[in-house]
C-alpha atoms as a PDB file:
ATOM      1  CA  MET A   1      96.979  48.826  77.123  1.00  0.00           C
ATOM      2  CA  PRO A   2      97.992  46.946  73.984  1.00  0.00           C
ATOM      3  CA  ALA A   3     101.190  48.330  72.437  1.00  0.00           C
ATOM      4  CA  GLY A   4      99.356  49.078  69.180  1.00  0.00           C
ATOM      5  CA  GLU A   5      97.076  51.535  71.005  1.00  0.00           C
ATOM      6  CA  VAL A   6      99.852  53.501  72.694  1.00  0.00           C
ATOM      7  CA  MET A   7     100.171  56.860  70.934  1.00  0.00           C
ATOM      8  CA  PRO A   8     103.450  58.846  70.820  1.00  0.00           C
ATOM      9  CA  ASN A   9     101.816  61.666  72.816  1.00  0.00           C
ATOM     10  CA  ILE A  10     100.305  59.413  75.507  1.00  0.00           C
ATOM     11  CA  GLY A  11     102.185  61.293  78.252  1.00  0.00           C
ATOM     12  CA  ASP A  12     100.795  64.657  77.164  1.00  0.00           C
ATOM     13  CA  GLU A  13      97.281  63.272  76.864  1.00  0.00           C
ATOM     14  CA  SER A  14      97.287  61.503  80.222  1.00  0.00           C
ATOM     15  CA  ASN A  15      98.695  64.479  82.157  1.00  0.00           C
ATOM     16  CA  GLN A  16      96.010  66.975  81.190  1.00  0.00           C
ATOM     17  CA  ILE A  17      93.644  68.261  83.823  1.00  0.00           C
ATOM     18  CA  GLY A  18      90.029  67.371  83.191  1.00  0.00           C
ATOM     19  CA  VAL A  19      88.599  70.686  84.378  1.00  0.00           C
ATOM     20  CA  ALA A  20      89.385  74.281  83.561  1.00  0.00           C
ATOM     21  CA  GLU A  21      91.298  76.336  86.104  1.00  0.00           C
ATOM     22  CA  LYS A  22      89.319  79.067  87.834  1.00  0.00           C
ATOM     23  CA  SER A  23      89.679  82.520  86.342  1.00  0.00           C
ATOM     24  CA  ALA A  24      91.146  85.376  88.393  1.00  0.00           C
ATOM     25  CA  LEU A  25      87.603  86.699  88.883  1.00  0.00           C
ATOM     26  CA  GLU A  26      86.343  83.327  90.151  1.00  0.00           C
ATOM     27  CA  LYS A  27      89.290  83.033  92.550  1.00  0.00           C
ATOM     28  CA  THR A  28      88.609  86.552  93.828  1.00  0.00           C
ATOM     29  CA  GLN A  29      84.945  85.749  94.407  1.00  0.00           C
ATOM     30  CA  TYR A  30      85.870  82.662  96.454  1.00  0.00           C
ATOM     31  CA  ASP A  31      88.508  84.631  98.363  1.00  0.00           C
ATOM     32  CA  GLU A  32      86.048  87.404  99.150  1.00  0.00           C
ATOM     33  CA  ARG A  33      83.725  84.914 100.860  1.00  0.00           C
ATOM     34  CA  ARG A  34      86.466  83.500 103.060  1.00  0.00           C
ATOM     35  CA  LEU A  35      88.209  86.771 103.939  1.00  0.00           C
ATOM     36  CA  ASP A  36      87.660  87.792 107.549  1.00  0.00           C
ATOM     37  CA  LEU A  37      88.210  91.552 107.648  1.00  0.00           C
ATOM     38  CA  THR A  38      88.422  91.492 111.445  1.00  0.00           C
ATOM     39  CA  ALA A  39      91.516  89.266 111.166  1.00  0.00           C
ATOM     40  CA  LEU A  40      93.498  91.835 109.167  1.00  0.00           C
ATOM     41  CA  THR A  41      96.362  93.496 110.994  1.00  0.00           C
ATOM     42  CA  PHE A  42      97.923  96.801 110.007  1.00  0.00           C
ATOM     43  CA  ASN A  43     101.246  98.551 110.468  1.00  0.00           C
ATOM     44  CA  GLU A  44     101.485 101.954 112.116  1.00  0.00           C
ATOM     45  CA  ASP A  45     101.389 103.600 108.671  1.00  0.00           C
ATOM     46  CA  GLY A  46      98.041 101.920 107.891  1.00  0.00           C
ATOM     47  CA  ALA A  47      99.412  99.343 105.432  1.00  0.00           C
ATOM     48  CA  VAL A  48      98.363  95.713 105.793  1.00  0.00           C
ATOM     49  CA  ALA A  49     100.937  93.905 107.949  1.00  0.00           C
ATOM     50  CA  PRO A  50     103.237  91.504 106.066  1.00  0.00           C
ATOM     51  CA  ASP A  51     102.062  88.433 107.994  1.00  0.00           C
ATOM     52  CA  THR A  52      98.390  88.996 107.093  1.00  0.00           C
ATOM     53  CA  LEU A  53      98.525  87.590 103.553  1.00  0.00           C
ATOM     54  CA  PRO A  54     100.361  84.369 104.510  1.00  0.00           C
ATOM     55  CA  GLN A  55      97.792  83.817 107.287  1.00  0.00           C
ATOM     56  CA  PHE A  56      95.033  84.208 104.705  1.00  0.00           C
ATOM     57  CA  PHE A  57      96.763  81.672 102.445  1.00  0.00           C
ATOM     58  CA  ASP A  58      97.003  79.262 105.379  1.00  0.00           C
ATOM     59  CA  SER A  59      93.194  79.177 105.472  1.00  0.00           C
ATOM     60  CA  MET A  60      93.185  77.645 101.971  1.00  0.00           C
ATOM     61  CA  SER A  61      93.812  74.112 100.817  1.00  0.00           C
ATOM     62  CA  VAL A  62      97.299  73.376  99.480  1.00  0.00           C
ATOM     63  CA  ALA A  63      95.896  73.180  95.945  1.00  0.00           C
ATOM     64  CA  GLU A  64      94.424  76.681  96.269  1.00  0.00           C
ATOM     65  CA  GLN A  65      97.713  78.067  97.558  1.00  0.00           C
ATOM     66  CA  THR A  66      99.501  77.058  94.367  1.00  0.00           C
ATOM     67  CA  GLY A  67     100.531  80.143  92.443  1.00  0.00           C
ATOM     68  CA  ARG A  68      99.736  82.415  95.361  1.00  0.00           C
ATOM     69  CA  ARG A  69     102.880  81.732  97.373  1.00  0.00           C
ATOM     70  CA  GLY A  70     106.450  82.324  96.316  1.00  0.00           C
ATOM     71  CA  ASP A  71     109.368  79.958  96.873  1.00  0.00           C
ATOM     72  CA  HIS A  72     109.776  80.886 100.547  1.00  0.00           C
ATOM     73  CA  GLY A  73     106.108  81.043 101.567  1.00  0.00           C
ATOM     74  CA  GLN A  74     105.643  84.762 100.930  1.00  0.00           C
ATOM     75  CA  ALA A  75     102.939  86.066  98.626  1.00  0.00           C
ATOM     76  CA  ALA A  76     103.633  85.623  94.942  1.00  0.00           C
ATOM     77  CA  ARG A  77     104.091  88.893  93.105  1.00  0.00           C
ATOM     78  CA  ASP A  78     100.550  88.943  91.696  1.00  0.00           C
ATOM     79  CA  PHE A  79      99.149  88.845  95.230  1.00  0.00           C
ATOM     80  CA  ALA A  80     101.627  91.110  96.979  1.00  0.00           C
ATOM     81  CA  ASP A  81     100.636  94.336  95.237  1.00  0.00           C
END
């Protein structure tokens, strides 16, 4: 690119994603289709077992897991409740 065409904000412009991120509703609709209810495991008290959510995340692509997992692989807060 000729130096005269390089804008001061070229980094910001070139690092923008070309498509909108899915809304929470859209993500939920996709998740609903892939969720296998027979694969859920429960604790004795009837709560979903802690390893169930990470197993569900493992069924997703790495890009889809972004924002759903915390720093150590556990569910991010929005998905743990």
